[in-house]
Amino acid sequence: MKLKSVPFLMVFFLTLTLGSWGQSLPKEVLLVNDPYPPYVMDDGSKAGPGIDMEIAVKVLSNLGVKTKIQLVPFKRALAMLESGDADLTTTLSFREDRDAYLLWSAPYRTDTAYVFYTPKNSTFVPKNLAELSKHKLGLITGFAYPDALGKIPDLIRVEAPDTEKLVTMLLGGRFEVMIVNSIVGKYELTSTGKRNEVQQLGFELRGTDAKGTVMGFSKKKNLGALVVAFNAELKKMKADGSLDKIEGKYLD
């Protein structure tokens, strides 16, 4: 985008803000992540790097910043960000314990639906959240779920490391019900051919949070100027439909 096409006040504000950080944008960054299809795809995926990964790479490319990608276990990704061995990651929920070592992007998704599944022939088919009381619910370690889940009395939580393992444990009888991000769950069940082995329950949870889904940048790497520029470009791409186009590529 040519400089003359940007309103003067926007250019002035961005220049002033970047100057206040006393930084220039890096030439290349290391983006670390743990596979979470379709938001973060496995290495070699024909579909592409994933919805959120593609958003991040496109934003950075528009800013003239190259992206190197490394897929590692989630805990290692966070450790690399905390130590400054990596620059950013995607698909995070804001958590205060991570605020000490991460800078946060603006939210790029604020409304998330969580759905529930049981094995197809299960005799336990709850009709609402309250009926989950005293039953085993499978969920993914480290994920932030809507507050309503924590208010279910005597709920027995059983954790899985990822969505693939979550489905395997459900079908193996490790718990009676699983909760999963609606898009991630549908993608996993469809891509593995297990959709007919489960039944979706008739209720869901929705998480609407102003902090939403965000990207995290390592504070150790002194990336304040990059976050400012990243947010400005992210806002532009959201307004012009670029984010929806990227998402549609994977969901269609």
Protein backbone atom coordinates (compact mmCIF):
# COMPACT_ATOMS: atom_id res chain seq x y z
CA MET A 1 0.00 0.00 0.00
CA LYS A 2 1.43 3.38 -1.00
CA LEU A 3 1.97 5.87 1.77
CA LYS A 4 -0.01 8.57 -0.01
CA SER A 5 -3.14 6.40 0.07
CA VAL A 6 -3.20 6.37 3.88
CA PRO A 7 -4.93 9.25 5.66
CA PHE A 8 -2.39 11.70 7.08
CA LEU A 9 -3.59 11.40 10.68
CA MET A 10 -3.31 7.61 10.58
CA VAL A 11 0.25 7.82 9.27
CA PHE A 12 1.12 10.43 11.90
CA PHE A 13 -0.39 8.36 14.72
CA LEU A 14 1.32 5.16 13.64
CA THR A 15 4.66 6.91 13.19
CA LEU A 16 4.33 8.57 16.57
CA THR A 17 3.39 5.30 18.25
CA LEU A 18 6.21 3.32 16.68
CA GLY A 19 8.60 6.08 17.56
CA SER A 20 7.52 5.97 21.18
CA TRP A 21 8.58 2.33 21.31
CA GLY A 22 11.95 3.32 19.86
CA GLN A 23 11.89 0.27 17.59
CA SER A 24 11.79 -0.76 13.98
CA LEU A 25 10.02 -3.85 12.68
CA PRO A 26 12.06 -7.09 12.55
CA LYS A 27 12.97 -8.55 9.17
CA GLU A 28 11.95 -12.06 10.21
CA VAL A 29 10.12 -13.68 13.14
CA LEU A 30 9.76 -17.21 14.47
CA LEU A 31 6.14 -18.29 14.88
CA VAL A 32 5.77 -21.34 17.13
CA ASN A 33 2.61 -23.36 17.56
CA ASP A 34 1.06 -26.71 18.39
CA PRO A 35 -1.19 -28.33 15.73
CA TYR A 36 -4.87 -27.52 16.31
CA PRO A 37 -6.71 -28.17 13.01
CA PRO A 38 -8.15 -26.27 11.25
CA TYR A 39 -6.67 -23.24 13.05
CA VAL A 40 -3.14 -24.69 13.10
CA MET A 41 -2.51 -27.53 10.65
CA ASP A 42 0.10 -30.27 10.85
CA ASP A 43 3.34 -30.03 8.89
CA GLY A 44 2.82 -30.76 5.22
CA SER A 45 -0.93 -30.19 5.23
CA LYS A 46 -2.21 -29.76 1.67
CA ALA A 47 -4.86 -27.33 2.91
CA GLY A 48 -2.24 -24.87 4.14
CA PRO A 49 -0.83 -23.82 7.52
CA GLY A 50 -4.24 -23.31 9.14
CA ILE A 51 -6.73 -20.46 9.54
CA ASP A 52 -4.95 -18.59 12.32
CA MET A 53 -1.46 -19.34 11.04
CA GLU A 54 -2.36 -18.05 7.59
CA ILE A 55 -3.84 -14.90 9.11
CA ALA A 56 -0.63 -14.26 11.06
CA VAL A 57 1.65 -14.94 8.10
CA LYS A 58 -0.43 -12.72 5.80
CA VAL A 59 -0.45 -9.82 8.28
CA LEU A 60 3.30 -10.09 8.74
CA SER A 61 3.87 -10.35 4.99
CA ASN A 62 1.84 -7.19 4.43
CA LEU A 63 4.15 -5.49 6.92
CA GLY A 64 7.23 -6.72 5.09
CA VAL A 65 8.15 -9.22 7.80
CA LYS A 66 9.13 -12.78 6.87
CA THR A 67 7.82 -15.67 8.98
CA LYS A 68 9.62 -18.85 9.97
CA ILE A 69 7.28 -21.52 11.39
CA GLN A 70 8.10 -24.20 13.95
CA LEU A 71 5.52 -26.66 15.31
CA VAL A 72 6.22 -27.84 18.84
CA PRO A 73 4.14 -29.06 21.82
CA PHE A 74 2.05 -26.27 23.35
CA LYS A 75 3.98 -26.09 26.63
CA ARG A 76 7.25 -25.83 24.76
CA ALA A 77 5.84 -23.07 22.55
CA LEU A 78 4.96 -21.03 25.64
CA ALA A 79 8.39 -21.71 27.16
CA MET A 80 10.08 -20.50 23.97
CA LEU A 81 8.04 -17.30 24.07
CA GLU A 82 8.83 -16.74 27.73
CA SER A 83 12.57 -17.23 27.17
CA GLY A 84 12.63 -15.16 23.96
CA ASP A 85 13.59 -18.12 21.76
CA ALA A 86 10.46 -17.47 19.66
CA ASP A 87 8.56 -14.35 18.69
CA LEU A 88 4.85 -15.15 18.55
CA THR A 89 2.09 -17.71 18.51
CA THR A 90 -1.60 -17.74 17.54
CA THR A 91 -4.94 -19.00 18.86
CA LEU A 92 -4.65 -17.95 22.50
CA SER A 93 -7.13 -16.84 25.13
CA PHE A 94 -5.94 -14.07 27.43
CA ARG A 95 -4.71 -15.39 30.77
CA GLU A 96 -3.17 -13.31 33.53
CA ASP A 97 -0.43 -15.84 34.24
CA ARG A 98 0.82 -15.40 30.66
CA ASP A 99 0.62 -11.62 30.85
CA ALA A 100 4.03 -11.56 32.53
CA TYR A 101 5.81 -12.74 29.38
CA LEU A 102 3.43 -12.00 26.49
CA LEU A 103 2.21 -8.95 24.63
CA TRP A 104 -1.26 -9.48 23.18
CA SER A 105 -2.67 -8.69 19.77
CA ALA A 106 -6.14 -7.26 19.31
CA PRO A 107 -8.79 -10.02 19.23
CA TYR A 108 -9.51 -11.43 15.79
CA ARG A 109 -12.33 -13.74 16.92
CA THR A 110 -14.68 -12.92 19.81
CA ASP A 111 -17.55 -15.40 19.50
CA THR A 112 -16.80 -19.09 19.96
CA ALA A 113 -19.28 -21.95 20.22
CA TYR A 114 -18.50 -25.05 22.28
CA VAL A 115 -20.50 -28.20 21.59
CA PHE A 116 -20.87 -31.53 23.36
CA TYR A 117 -20.68 -35.07 22.01
CA THR A 118 -21.32 -38.54 23.41
CA PRO A 119 -20.66 -41.90 21.73
CA LYS A 120 -23.48 -42.63 19.29
CA ASN A 121 -25.01 -45.49 21.29
CA SER A 122 -24.60 -43.89 24.72
CA THR A 123 -27.47 -44.32 27.17
CA PHE A 124 -26.44 -41.05 28.85
CA VAL A 125 -27.80 -38.19 26.76
CA PRO A 126 -27.94 -35.04 28.93
CA LYS A 127 -30.32 -32.29 27.86
CA ASN A 128 -28.54 -29.38 29.57
CA LEU A 129 -25.43 -28.40 31.49
CA ALA A 130 -26.95 -29.20 34.88
CA GLU A 131 -27.31 -32.86 33.93
CA LEU A 132 -23.53 -33.14 33.55
CA SER A 133 -23.20 -32.92 37.35
CA LYS A 134 -21.35 -35.94 38.82
CA HIS A 135 -20.45 -37.19 35.33
CA LYS A 136 -17.10 -37.34 33.51
CA LEU A 137 -16.47 -34.61 30.94
CA GLY A 138 -13.52 -34.74 28.55
CA LEU A 139 -11.74 -31.49 27.73
CA ILE A 140 -8.36 -30.32 26.50
CA THR A 141 -5.56 -29.41 28.90
CA GLY A 142 -4.80 -25.70 29.17
CA PHE A 143 -7.82 -24.42 27.25
CA ALA A 144 -10.00 -21.58 28.53
CA TYR A 145 -13.67 -22.57 28.50
CA PRO A 146 -16.72 -20.38 29.25
CA ASP A 147 -17.26 -19.67 32.95
CA ALA A 148 -20.54 -21.59 32.97
CA LEU A 149 -18.60 -24.85 32.79
CA GLY A 150 -16.95 -24.14 36.12
CA LYS A 151 -20.31 -23.68 37.80
CA ILE A 152 -21.51 -27.25 37.24
CA PRO A 153 -21.49 -28.93 40.68
CA ASP A 154 -19.40 -32.09 41.12
CA LEU A 155 -18.35 -32.17 37.49
CA ILE A 156 -15.55 -34.70 36.94
CA ARG A 157 -13.02 -33.31 34.48
CA VAL A 158 -10.83 -35.66 32.46
CA GLU A 159 -8.13 -33.95 30.39
CA ALA A 160 -6.74 -34.86 26.97
CA PRO A 161 -3.65 -33.27 25.36
CA ASP A 162 -5.32 -32.50 22.02
CA THR A 163 -8.51 -32.93 19.99
CA GLU A 164 -7.44 -36.17 18.31
CA LYS A 165 -6.77 -37.79 21.70
CA LEU A 166 -10.00 -36.31 23.09
CA VAL A 167 -12.07 -38.14 20.46
CA THR A 168 -10.11 -41.37 20.98
CA MET A 169 -10.68 -41.22 24.73
CA LEU A 170 -14.41 -40.55 24.29
CA LEU A 171 -14.85 -43.55 22.01
CA GLY A 172 -12.70 -45.62 24.37
CA GLY A 173 -15.01 -44.93 27.29
CA ARG A 174 -12.64 -42.76 29.34
CA PHE A 175 -15.46 -40.24 29.87
CA GLU A 176 -19.12 -39.97 28.95
CA VAL A 177 -19.21 -36.56 27.21
CA MET A 178 -16.65 -34.33 25.54
CA ILE A 179 -16.74 -30.58 25.03
CA VAL A 180 -14.97 -29.14 22.00
CA ASN A 181 -14.76 -25.99 19.93
CA SER A 182 -17.53 -26.44 17.35
CA ILE A 183 -15.31 -25.81 14.32
CA VAL A 184 -12.40 -27.88 15.61
CA GLY A 185 -14.65 -30.76 16.66
CA LYS A 186 -16.47 -30.91 13.33
CA TYR A 187 -13.19 -30.75 11.42
CA GLU A 188 -11.59 -33.54 13.48
CA LEU A 189 -14.58 -35.87 13.30
CA THR A 190 -15.11 -35.30 9.57
CA SER A 191 -11.46 -35.59 8.54
CA THR A 192 -10.99 -38.83 10.51
CA GLY A 193 -14.27 -40.41 9.39
CA LYS A 194 -15.59 -40.68 12.95
CA ARG A 195 -18.58 -38.37 12.58
CA ASN A 196 -21.01 -41.31 12.54
CA GLU A 197 -19.55 -42.74 15.75
CA VAL A 198 -20.76 -39.86 17.91
CA GLN A 199 -23.89 -37.84 18.52
CA GLN A 200 -23.95 -34.10 19.18
CA LEU A 201 -26.02 -33.03 22.15
CA GLY A 202 -28.79 -30.47 21.81
CA PHE A 203 -27.16 -27.64 23.78
CA GLU A 204 -23.98 -25.63 23.55
CA LEU A 205 -21.90 -22.99 25.31
CA ARG A 206 -20.93 -19.73 23.69
CA GLY A 207 -17.94 -17.71 24.72
CA THR A 208 -18.23 -14.01 23.92
CA ASP A 209 -15.31 -12.10 25.33
CA ALA A 210 -13.94 -8.67 24.42
CA LYS A 211 -10.45 -10.19 24.82
CA GLY A 212 -11.44 -13.01 22.48
CA THR A 213 -8.96 -15.12 20.54
CA VAL A 214 -5.62 -13.36 20.32
CA MET A 215 -2.01 -13.81 19.28
CA GLY A 216 0.80 -13.62 21.80
CA PHE A 217 4.17 -11.93 21.27
CA SER A 218 7.26 -12.51 23.40
CA LYS A 219 7.99 -9.62 25.77
CA LYS A 220 11.63 -10.73 25.84
CA LYS A 221 11.98 -9.83 22.15
CA ASN A 222 10.91 -6.20 22.65
CA LEU A 223 8.22 -6.39 19.96
CA GLY A 224 6.01 -3.48 21.00
CA ALA A 225 6.32 -1.73 17.62
CA LEU A 226 5.47 -4.94 15.79
CA VAL A 227 2.33 -5.44 17.89
CA VAL A 228 1.14 -1.90 17.09
CA ALA A 229 1.71 -2.37 13.36
CA PHE A 230 0.27 -5.91 13.47
CA ASN A 231 -2.95 -4.69 15.10
CA ALA A 232 -3.38 -1.92 12.56
CA GLU A 233 -3.01 -4.35 9.65
CA LEU A 234 -5.21 -6.96 11.37
CA LYS A 235 -7.98 -4.37 11.73
CA LYS A 236 -7.71 -3.48 8.07
CA MET A 237 -7.87 -7.13 6.96
CA LYS A 238 -10.87 -7.75 9.19
CA ALA A 239 -12.71 -4.78 7.68
CA ASP A 240 -12.01 -5.68 4.06
CA GLY A 241 -13.09 -9.32 4.43
CA SER A 242 -9.63 -10.86 4.16
CA LEU A 243 -10.00 -12.77 7.43
CA ASP A 244 -13.34 -14.25 6.36
CA LYS A 245 -11.82 -15.31 3.04
CA ILE A 246 -8.99 -17.15 4.77
CA GLU A 247 -11.40 -18.89 7.17
CA GLY A 248 -13.71 -19.92 4.32
CA LYS A 249 -10.83 -21.55 2.48
CA TYR A 250 -10.52 -24.15 5.27
CA LEU A 251 -14.14 -24.53 6.34
CA ASP A 252 -15.59 -24.89 2.85
